[in-house]
Amino acid sequence: MGFDFRFSPLAEENIEDATDYYAHISVKVLTNFNKQLDLSIDKIIRNPYFQKRFRHVRAFPLKKFPYIIFYEINEEEKMIYILSVFCTHRNPEKYP
């Protein structure tokens, strides 16, 4: 289908917070987190029509890590906008 993707500033901040957190635990855990994040984004790009959570917002959970990628699809632009990489250990009422 040829979708591209962009991170919102919030998503970039979420990823930075997660990488800082996992870097303090170990380099191996950080590497695994980055790998899972990349694999998840690749899956979203290949098939962006995953679970709808609210109106146009879709969600894709990371394997082995407590994060959900929230994103929107713009069919006309062939663009996936990653809104947030949300830690599920946080209060679910704070879902974006």
PDB file of N, CA and C in Angstrom:
ATOM      1  N   MET A   1       0.811  -1.198   0.000  1.00  0.00           N
ATOM      2  CA  MET A   1       0.000   0.000   0.000  1.00  0.00           C
ATOM      3  C   MET A   1       0.850   1.256   0.000  1.00  0.00           C
ATOM      4  N   GLY A   2       2.059   1.170   0.534  1.00  0.00           N
ATOM      5  CA  GLY A   2       2.947   2.306   0.459  1.00  0.00           C
ATOM      6  C   GLY A   2       2.707   3.394   1.478  1.00  0.00           C
ATOM      7  N   PHE A   3       2.354   3.019   2.702  1.00  0.00           N
ATOM      8  CA  PHE A   3       2.169   4.019   3.754  1.00  0.00           C
ATOM      9  C   PHE A   3       3.514   4.451   4.316  1.00  0.00           C
ATOM     10  N   ASP A   4       3.589   5.708   4.707  1.00  0.00           N
ATOM     11  CA  ASP A   4       4.741   6.242   5.419  1.00  0.00           C
ATOM     12  C   ASP A   4       4.248   6.583   6.820  1.00  0.00           C
ATOM     13  N   PHE A   5       5.137   6.985   7.718  1.00  0.00           N
ATOM     14  CA  PHE A   5       4.681   7.323   9.067  1.00  0.00           C
ATOM     15  C   PHE A   5       5.440   8.518   9.615  1.00  0.00           C
ATOM     16  N   ARG A   6       4.786   9.178  10.580  1.00  0.00           N
ATOM     17  CA  ARG A   6       5.387  10.305  11.292  1.00  0.00           C
ATOM     18  C   ARG A   6       5.011  10.198  12.761  1.00  0.00           C
ATOM     19  N   PHE A   7       5.927  10.614  13.614  1.00  0.00           N
ATOM     20  CA  PHE A   7       5.670  10.664  15.043  1.00  0.00           C
ATOM     21  C   PHE A   7       5.182  12.054  15.437  1.00  0.00           C
ATOM     22  N   SER A   8       4.217  12.105  16.317  1.00  0.00           N
ATOM     23  CA  SER A   8       3.817  13.382  16.904  1.00  0.00           C
ATOM     24  C   SER A   8       4.868  13.755  17.952  1.00  0.00           C
ATOM     25  N   PRO A   9       4.916  15.005  18.374  1.00  0.00           N
ATOM     26  CA  PRO A   9       5.843  15.380  19.450  1.00  0.00           C
ATOM     27  C   PRO A   9       5.595  14.566  20.729  1.00  0.00           C
ATOM     28  N   LEU A  10       4.335  14.268  21.033  1.00  0.00           N
ATOM     29  CA  LEU A  10       4.031  13.458  22.220  1.00  0.00           C
ATOM     30  C   LEU A  10       4.599  12.050  22.078  1.00  0.00           C
ATOM     31  N   ALA A  11       4.461  11.449  20.912  1.00  0.00           N
ATOM     32  CA  ALA A  11       4.995  10.108  20.677  1.00  0.00           C
ATOM     33  C   ALA A  11       6.517  10.110  20.812  1.00  0.00           C
ATOM     34  N   GLU A  12       7.162  11.128  20.272  1.00  0.00           N
ATOM     35  CA  GLU A  12       8.621  11.224  20.401  1.00  0.00           C
ATOM     36  C   GLU A  12       9.032  11.339  21.863  1.00  0.00           C
ATOM     37  N   GLU A  13       8.272  12.116  22.626  1.00  0.00           N
ATOM     38  CA  GLU A  13       8.549  12.259  24.058  1.00  0.00           C
ATOM     39  C   GLU A  13       8.321  10.935  24.786  1.00  0.00           C
ATOM     40  N   ASN A  14       7.263  10.217  24.436  1.00  0.00           N
ATOM     41  CA  ASN A  14       6.988   8.912  25.038  1.00  0.00           C
ATOM     42  C   ASN A  14       8.127   7.936  24.780  1.00  0.00           C
ATOM     43  N   ILE A  15       8.602   7.914  23.549  1.00  0.00           N
ATOM     44  CA  ILE A  15       9.695   7.000  23.181  1.00  0.00           C
ATOM     45  C   ILE A  15      10.968   7.386  23.913  1.00  0.00           C
ATOM     46  N   GLU A  16      11.240   8.658  24.000  1.00  0.00           N
ATOM     47  CA  GLU A  16      12.429   9.124  24.720  1.00  0.00           C
ATOM     48  C   GLU A  16      12.364   8.729  26.197  1.00  0.00           C
ATOM     49  N   ASP A  17      11.199   8.900  26.820  1.00  0.00           N
ATOM     50  CA  ASP A  17      11.033   8.500  28.225  1.00  0.00           C
ATOM     51  C   ASP A  17      11.248   6.998  28.398  1.00  0.00           C
ATOM     52  N   ALA A  18      10.684   6.218  27.489  1.00  0.00           N
ATOM     53  CA  ALA A  18      10.825   4.758  27.576  1.00  0.00           C
ATOM     54  C   ALA A  18      12.274   4.327  27.378  1.00  0.00           C
ATOM     55  N   THR A  19      12.960   4.929  26.405  1.00  0.00           N
ATOM     56  CA  THR A  19      14.351   4.539  26.165  1.00  0.00           C
ATOM     57  C   THR A  19      15.247   4.962  27.331  1.00  0.00           C
ATOM     58  N   ASP A  20      14.977   6.112  27.923  1.00  0.00           N
ATOM     59  CA  ASP A  20      15.738   6.515  29.113  1.00  0.00           C
ATOM     60  C   ASP A  20      15.526   5.523  30.255  1.00  0.00           C
ATOM     61  N   TYR A  21      14.268   5.130  30.447  1.00  0.00           N
ATOM     62  CA  TYR A  21      13.932   4.188  31.519  1.00  0.00           C
ATOM     63  C   TYR A  21      14.623   2.844  31.299  1.00  0.00           C
ATOM     64  N   TYR A  22      14.512   2.294  30.090  1.00  0.00           N
ATOM     65  CA  TYR A  22      15.107   0.980  29.815  1.00  0.00           C
ATOM     66  C   TYR A  22      16.630   1.043  29.741  1.00  0.00           C
ATOM     67  N   ALA A  23      17.195   2.184  29.380  1.00  0.00           N
ATOM     68  CA  ALA A  23      18.653   2.329  29.371  1.00  0.00           C
ATOM     69  C   ALA A  23      19.215   2.229  30.781  1.00  0.00           C
ATOM     70  N   HIS A  24      18.441   2.697  31.775  1.00  0.00           N
ATOM     71  CA  HIS A  24      18.887   2.591  33.160  1.00  0.00           C
ATOM     72  C   HIS A  24      18.817   1.163  33.670  1.00  0.00           C
ATOM     73  N   ILE A  25      17.957   0.349  33.067  1.00  0.00           N
ATOM     74  CA  ILE A  25      17.845  -1.053  33.487  1.00  0.00           C
ATOM     75  C   ILE A  25      19.003  -1.849  32.897  1.00  0.00           C
ATOM     76  N   SER A  26      19.096  -1.866  31.576  1.00  0.00           N
ATOM     77  CA  SER A  26      20.228  -2.516  30.912  1.00  0.00           C
ATOM     78  C   SER A  26      20.202  -2.222  29.421  1.00  0.00           C
ATOM     79  N   VAL A  27      21.346  -2.354  28.806  1.00  0.00           N
ATOM     80  CA  VAL A  27      21.462  -2.128  27.366  1.00  0.00           C
ATOM     81  C   VAL A  27      20.687  -3.206  26.611  1.00  0.00           C
ATOM     82  N   LYS A  28      20.691  -4.426  27.124  1.00  0.00           N
ATOM     83  CA  LYS A  28      19.984  -5.530  26.474  1.00  0.00           C
ATOM     84  C   LYS A  28      18.475  -5.267  26.447  1.00  0.00           C
ATOM     85  N   VAL A  29      17.927  -4.797  27.558  1.00  0.00           N
ATOM     86  CA  VAL A  29      16.496  -4.493  27.616  1.00  0.00           C
ATOM     87  C   VAL A  29      16.169  -3.337  26.671  1.00  0.00           C
ATOM     88  N   LEU A  30      17.003  -2.330  26.648  1.00  0.00           N
ATOM     89  CA  LEU A  30      16.809  -1.195  25.734  1.00  0.00           C
ATOM     90  C   LEU A  30      16.824  -1.667  24.281  1.00  0.00           C
ATOM     91  N   THR A  31      17.776  -2.519  23.941  1.00  0.00           N
ATOM     92  CA  THR A  31      17.864  -3.052  22.585  1.00  0.00           C
ATOM     93  C   THR A  31      16.608  -3.832  22.223  1.00  0.00           C
ATOM     94  N   ASN A  32      16.122  -4.646  23.159  1.00  0.00           N
ATOM     95  CA  ASN A  32      14.903  -5.422  22.911  1.00  0.00           C
ATOM     96  C   ASN A  32      13.685  -4.510  22.744  1.00  0.00           C
ATOM     97  N   PHE A  33      13.603  -3.460  23.555  1.00  0.00           N
ATOM     98  CA  PHE A  33      12.498  -2.515  23.426  1.00  0.00           C
ATOM     99  C   PHE A  33      12.516  -1.849  22.057  1.00  0.00           C
ATOM    100  N   ASN A  34      13.675  -1.360  21.647  1.00  0.00           N
ATOM    101  CA  ASN A  34      13.794  -0.703  20.337  1.00  0.00           C
ATOM    102  C   ASN A  34      13.450  -1.663  19.203  1.00  0.00           C
ATOM    103  N   LYS A  35      13.870  -2.913  19.341  1.00  0.00           N
ATOM    104  CA  LYS A  35      13.561  -3.925  18.325  1.00  0.00           C
ATOM    105  C   LYS A  35      12.053  -4.153  18.238  1.00  0.00           C
ATOM    106  N   GLN A  36      11.391  -4.306  19.402  1.00  0.00           N
ATOM    107  CA  GLN A  36       9.947  -4.522  19.411  1.00  0.00           C
ATOM    108  C   GLN A  36       9.186  -3.313  18.869  1.00  0.00           C
ATOM    109  N   LEU A  37       9.655  -2.132  19.195  1.00  0.00           N
ATOM    110  CA  LEU A  37       9.028  -0.916  18.680  1.00  0.00           C
ATOM    111  C   LEU A  37       9.147  -0.863  17.158  1.00  0.00           C
ATOM    112  N   ASP A  38      10.327  -1.140  16.638  1.00  0.00           N
ATOM    113  CA  ASP A  38      10.538  -1.142  15.184  1.00  0.00           C
ATOM    114  C   ASP A  38       9.683  -2.209  14.494  1.00  0.00           C
ATOM    115  N   LEU A  39       9.621  -3.414  15.077  1.00  0.00           N
ATOM    116  CA  LEU A  39       8.804  -4.483  14.501  1.00  0.00           C
ATOM    117  C   LEU A  39       7.328  -4.113  14.489  1.00  0.00           C
ATOM    118  N   SER A  40       6.872  -3.489  15.563  1.00  0.00           N
ATOM    119  CA  SER A  40       5.469  -3.084  15.655  1.00  0.00           C
ATOM    120  C   SER A  40       5.137  -2.018  14.616  1.00  0.00           C
ATOM    121  N   ILE A  41       6.020  -1.050  14.465  1.00  0.00           N
ATOM    122  CA  ILE A  41       5.800  -0.003  13.456  1.00  0.00           C
ATOM    123  C   ILE A  41       5.796  -0.612  12.054  1.00  0.00           C
ATOM    124  N   ASP A  42       6.694  -1.568  11.799  1.00  0.00           N
ATOM    125  CA  ASP A  42       6.706  -2.246  10.496  1.00  0.00           C
ATOM    126  C   ASP A  42       5.390  -2.973  10.237  1.00  0.00           C
ATOM    127  N   LYS A  43       4.849  -3.619  11.270  1.00  0.00           N
ATOM    128  CA  LYS A  43       3.572  -4.318  11.116  1.00  0.00           C
ATOM    129  C   LYS A  43       2.435  -3.334  10.844  1.00  0.00           C
ATOM    130  N   ILE A  44       2.468  -2.207  11.526  1.00  0.00           N
ATOM    131  CA  ILE A  44       1.442  -1.183  11.299  1.00  0.00           C
ATOM    132  C   ILE A  44       1.530  -0.649   9.873  1.00  0.00           C
ATOM    133  N   ILE A  45       2.732  -0.439   9.373  1.00  0.00           N
ATOM    134  CA  ILE A  45       2.913   0.068   8.013  1.00  0.00           C
ATOM    135  C   ILE A  45       2.392  -0.945   6.992  1.00  0.00           C
ATOM    136  N   ARG A  46       2.672  -2.232   7.222  1.00  0.00           N
ATOM    137  CA  ARG A  46       2.218  -3.258   6.285  1.00  0.00           C
ATOM    138  C   ARG A  46       0.708  -3.444   6.317  1.00  0.00           C
ATOM    139  N   ASN A  47       0.112  -3.351   7.510  1.00  0.00           N
ATOM    140  CA  ASN A  47      -1.339  -3.501   7.654  1.00  0.00           C
ATOM    141  C   ASN A  47      -1.827  -2.504   8.696  1.00  0.00           C
ATOM    142  N   PRO A  48      -2.116  -1.277   8.287  1.00  0.00           N
ATOM    143  CA  PRO A  48      -2.473  -0.243   9.262  1.00  0.00           C
ATOM    144  C   PRO A  48      -3.886  -0.354   9.824  1.00  0.00           C
ATOM    145  N   TYR A  49      -4.697  -1.254   9.280  1.00  0.00           N
ATOM    146  CA  TYR A  49      -6.100  -1.321   9.689  1.00  0.00           C
ATOM    147  C   TYR A  49      -6.285  -2.245  10.883  1.00  0.00           C
ATOM    148  N   PHE A  50      -5.590  -1.920  11.954  1.00  0.00           N
ATOM    149  CA  PHE A  50      -5.682  -2.702  13.182  1.00  0.00           C
ATOM    150  C   PHE A  50      -6.825  -2.162  14.027  1.00  0.00           C
ATOM    151  N   GLN A  51      -6.920  -2.599  15.211  1.00  0.00           N
ATOM    152  CA  GLN A  51      -8.030  -2.315  16.119  1.00  0.00           C
ATOM    153  C   GLN A  51      -8.306  -0.820  16.298  1.00  0.00           C
ATOM    154  N   LYS A  52      -9.569  -0.437  16.076  1.00  0.00           N
ATOM    155  CA  LYS A  52      -9.991   0.939  16.346  1.00  0.00           C
ATOM    156  C   LYS A  52     -10.327   1.050  17.821  1.00  0.00           C
ATOM    157  N   ARG A  53      -9.844   2.115  18.448  1.00  0.00           N
ATOM    158  CA  ARG A  53     -10.144   2.355  19.850  1.00  0.00           C
ATOM    159  C   ARG A  53     -11.168   3.457  20.036  1.00  0.00           C
ATOM    160  N   PHE A  54     -11.026   4.534  19.262  1.00  0.00           N
ATOM    161  CA  PHE A  54     -11.916   5.671  19.404  1.00  0.00           C
ATOM    162  C   PHE A  54     -11.929   6.437  18.097  1.00  0.00           C
ATOM    163  N   ARG A  55     -13.078   6.557  17.508  1.00  0.00           N
ATOM    164  CA  ARG A  55     -13.261   7.239  16.223  1.00  0.00           C
ATOM    165  C   ARG A  55     -12.225   6.779  15.207  1.00  0.00           C
ATOM    166  N   HIS A  56     -11.230   7.615  14.915  1.00  0.00           N
ATOM    167  CA  HIS A  56     -10.227   7.260  13.907  1.00  0.00           C
ATOM    168  C   HIS A  56      -8.924   6.770  14.523  1.00  0.00           C
ATOM    169  N   VAL A  57      -8.868   6.704  15.841  1.00  0.00           N
ATOM    170  CA  VAL A  57      -7.629   6.304  16.521  1.00  0.00           C
ATOM    171  C   VAL A  57      -7.583   4.786  16.635  1.00  0.00           C
ATOM    172  N   ARG A  58      -6.463   4.241  16.227  1.00  0.00           N
ATOM    173  CA  ARG A  58      -6.243   2.795  16.287  1.00  0.00           C
ATOM    174  C   ARG A  58      -5.142   2.502  17.304  1.00  0.00           C
ATOM    175  N   ALA A  59      -5.085   1.247  17.745  1.00  0.00           N
ATOM    176  CA  ALA A  59      -4.111   0.862  18.767  1.00  0.00           C
ATOM    177  C   ALA A  59      -3.425  -0.434  18.369  1.00  0.00           C
ATOM    178  N   PHE A  60      -2.126  -0.501  18.646  1.00  0.00           N
ATOM    179  CA  PHE A  60      -1.347  -1.706  18.388  1.00  0.00           C
ATOM    180  C   PHE A  60      -0.424  -1.930  19.581  1.00  0.00           C
ATOM    181  N   PRO A  61      -0.579  -3.047  20.313  1.00  0.00           N
ATOM    182  CA  PRO A  61       0.263  -3.298  21.485  1.00  0.00           C
ATOM    183  C   PRO A  61       1.638  -3.845  21.099  1.00  0.00           C
ATOM    184  N   LEU A  62       2.644  -3.448  21.855  1.00  0.00           N
ATOM    185  CA  LEU A  62       3.975  -4.007  21.676  1.00  0.00           C
ATOM    186  C   LEU A  62       4.024  -5.361  22.379  1.00  0.00           C
ATOM    187  N   LYS A  63       4.743  -6.292  21.788  1.00  0.00           N
ATOM    188  CA  LYS A  63       4.932  -7.582  22.451  1.00  0.00           C
ATOM    189  C   LYS A  63       6.022  -7.443  23.499  1.00  0.00           C
ATOM    190  N   LYS A  64       5.817  -8.098  24.623  1.00  0.00           N
ATOM    191  CA  LYS A  64       6.792  -8.198  25.715  1.00  0.00           C
ATOM    192  C   LYS A  64       7.021  -6.905  26.496  1.00  0.00           C
ATOM    193  N   PHE A  65       6.412  -5.811  26.066  1.00  0.00           N
ATOM    194  CA  PHE A  65       6.567  -4.539  26.773  1.00  0.00           C
ATOM    195  C   PHE A  65       5.193  -3.919  26.981  1.00  0.00           C
ATOM    196  N   PRO A  66       5.008  -3.210  28.095  1.00  0.00           N
ATOM    197  CA  PRO A  66       3.678  -2.667  28.421  1.00  0.00           C
ATOM    198  C   PRO A  66       3.372  -1.335  27.712  1.00  0.00           C
ATOM    199  N   TYR A  67       3.398  -1.362  26.395  1.00  0.00           N
ATOM    200  CA  TYR A  67       3.145  -0.154  25.613  1.00  0.00           C
ATOM    201  C   TYR A  67       2.140  -0.431  24.504  1.00  0.00           C
ATOM    202  N   ILE A  68       1.365   0.596  24.180  1.00  0.00           N
ATOM    203  CA  ILE A  68       0.426   0.555  23.066  1.00  0.00           C
ATOM    204  C   ILE A  68       0.740   1.741  22.158  1.00  0.00           C
ATOM    205  N   ILE A  69       0.815   1.465  20.872  1.00  0.00           N
ATOM    206  CA  ILE A  69       1.012   2.530  19.895  1.00  0.00           C
ATOM    207  C   ILE A  69      -0.370   2.996  19.440  1.00  0.00           C
ATOM    208  N   PHE A  70      -0.665   4.268  19.661  1.00  0.00           N
ATOM    209  CA  PHE A  70      -1.909   4.865  19.178  1.00  0.00           C
ATOM    210  C   PHE A  70      -1.589   5.649  17.914  1.00  0.00           C
ATOM    211  N   TYR A  71      -2.410   5.444  16.880  1.00  0.00           N
ATOM    212  CA  TYR A  71      -2.123   6.089  15.602  1.00  0.00           C
ATOM    213  C   TYR A  71      -3.404   6.347  14.812  1.00  0.00           C
ATOM    214  N   GLU A  72      -3.270   7.211  13.824  1.00  0.00           N
ATOM    215  CA  GLU A  72      -4.340   7.509  12.877  1.00  0.00           C
ATOM    216  C   GLU A  72      -3.806   7.290  11.467  1.00  0.00           C
ATOM    217  N   ILE A  73      -4.731   6.990  10.565  1.00  0.00           N
ATOM    218  CA  ILE A  73      -4.375   6.772   9.166  1.00  0.00           C
ATOM    219  C   ILE A  73      -4.974   7.888   8.322  1.00  0.00           C
ATOM    220  N   ASN A  74      -4.157   8.455   7.444  1.00  0.00           N
ATOM    221  CA  ASN A  74      -4.663   9.394   6.448  1.00  0.00           C
ATOM    222  C   ASN A  74      -4.513   8.719   5.093  1.00  0.00           C
ATOM    223  N   GLU A  75      -5.638   8.223   4.581  1.00  0.00           N
ATOM    224  CA  GLU A  75      -5.644   7.463   3.324  1.00  0.00           C
ATOM    225  C   GLU A  75      -5.171   8.309   2.141  1.00  0.00           C
ATOM    226  N   GLU A  76      -5.605   9.555   2.103  1.00  0.00           N
ATOM    227  CA  GLU A  76      -5.271  10.415   0.966  1.00  0.00           C
ATOM    228  C   GLU A  76      -3.774  10.677   0.877  1.00  0.00           C
ATOM    229  N   GLU A  77      -3.150  10.908   2.026  1.00  0.00           N
ATOM    230  CA  GLU A  77      -1.718  11.190   2.058  1.00  0.00           C
ATOM    231  C   GLU A  77      -0.884   9.912   2.128  1.00  0.00           C
ATOM    232  N   LYS A  78      -1.545   8.756   2.331  1.00  0.00           N
ATOM    233  CA  LYS A  78      -0.847   7.483   2.558  1.00  0.00           C
ATOM    234  C   LYS A  78       0.136   7.633   3.720  1.00  0.00           C
ATOM    235  N   MET A  79      -0.386   8.239   4.809  1.00  0.00           N
ATOM    236  CA  MET A  79       0.443   8.541   5.967  1.00  0.00           C
ATOM    237  C   MET A  79      -0.187   7.957   7.228  1.00  0.00           C
ATOM    238  N   ILE A  80       0.657   7.429   8.087  1.00  0.00           N
ATOM    239  CA  ILE A  80       0.252   6.967   9.410  1.00  0.00           C
ATOM    240  C   ILE A  80       0.849   7.946  10.404  1.00  0.00           C
ATOM    241  N   TYR A  81      -0.005   8.545  11.207  1.00  0.00           N
ATOM    242  CA  TYR A  81       0.434   9.487  12.234  1.00  0.00           C
ATOM    243  C   TYR A  81       0.429   8.777  13.574  1.00  0.00           C
ATOM    244  N   ILE A  82       1.613   8.557  14.129  1.00  0.00           N
ATOM    245  CA  ILE A  82       1.728   7.906  15.435  1.00  0.00           C
ATOM    246  C   ILE A  82       1.545   8.989  16.485  1.00  0.00           C
ATOM    247  N   LEU A  83       0.439   8.879  17.203  1.00  0.00           N
ATOM    248  CA  LEU A  83       0.040   9.905  18.161  1.00  0.00           C
ATOM    249  C   LEU A  83       0.735   9.741  19.499  1.00  0.00           C
ATOM    250  N   SER A  84       0.878   8.478  19.938  1.00  0.00           N
ATOM    251  CA  SER A  84       1.442   8.227  21.258  1.00  0.00           C
ATOM    252  C   SER A  84       1.967   6.803  21.335  1.00  0.00           C
ATOM    253  N   VAL A  85       2.993   6.609  22.149  1.00  0.00           N
ATOM    254  CA  VAL A  85       3.469   5.279  22.519  1.00  0.00           C
ATOM    255  C   VAL A  85       3.244   5.219  24.021  1.00  0.00           C
ATOM    256  N   PHE A  86       2.065   4.726  24.384  1.00  0.00           N
ATOM    257  CA  PHE A  86       1.537   4.867  25.736  1.00  0.00           C
ATOM    258  C   PHE A  86       1.918   3.683  26.617  1.00  0.00           C
ATOM    259  N   CYS A  87       2.432   3.982  27.810  1.00  0.00           N
ATOM    260  CA  CYS A  87       2.774   2.953  28.788  1.00  0.00           C
ATOM    261  C   CYS A  87       1.488   2.519  29.499  1.00  0.00           C
ATOM    262  N   THR A  88       1.160   1.243  29.417  1.00  0.00           N
ATOM    263  CA  THR A  88      -0.081   0.734  30.008  1.00  0.00           C
ATOM    264  C   THR A  88      -0.011   0.607  31.524  1.00  0.00           C
ATOM    265  N   HIS A  89       1.145   0.800  32.104  1.00  0.00           N
ATOM    266  CA  HIS A  89       1.245   0.786  33.562  1.00  0.00           C
ATOM    267  C   HIS A  89       0.742   2.088  34.169  1.00  0.00           C
ATOM    268  N   ARG A  90       0.529   3.077  33.317  1.00  0.00           N
ATOM    269  CA  ARG A  90      -0.002   4.354  33.786  1.00  0.00           C
ATOM    270  C   ARG A  90      -1.518   4.258  33.921  1.00  0.00           C
ATOM    271  N   ASN A  91      -2.087   5.249  34.463  1.00  0.00           N
ATOM    272  CA  ASN A  91      -3.532   5.309  34.664  1.00  0.00           C
ATOM    273  C   ASN A  91      -4.247   5.239  33.312  1.00  0.00           C
ATOM    274  N   PRO A  92      -5.119   4.234  33.095  1.00  0.00           N
ATOM    275  CA  PRO A  92      -5.775   4.112  31.792  1.00  0.00           C
ATOM    276  C   PRO A  92      -6.687   5.289  31.455  1.00  0.00           C
ATOM    277  N   GLU A  93      -7.073   6.074  32.443  1.00  0.00           N
ATOM    278  CA  GLU A  93      -7.880   7.254  32.176  1.00  0.00           C
ATOM    279  C   GLU A  93      -7.063   8.320  31.430  1.00  0.00           C
ATOM    280  N   LYS A  94      -5.759   8.161  31.420  1.00  0.00           N
ATOM    281  CA  LYS A  94      -4.883   9.116  30.720  1.00  0.00           C
ATOM    282  C   LYS A  94      -4.582   8.704  29.284  1.00  0.00           C
ATOM    283  N   TYR A  95      -5.275   7.673  28.798  1.00  0.00           N
ATOM    284  CA  TYR A  95      -5.073   7.266  27.398  1.00  0.00           C
ATOM    285  C   TYR A  95      -5.288   8.477  26.514  1.00  0.00           C
ATOM    286  N   PRO A  96      -4.430   8.649  25.526  1.00  0.00           N
ATOM    287  CA  PRO A  96      -4.586   9.799  24.625  1.00  0.00           C
ATOM    288  C   PRO A  96      -5.835   9.673  23.754  1.00  0.00           C
TER     289      PRO A  96
END
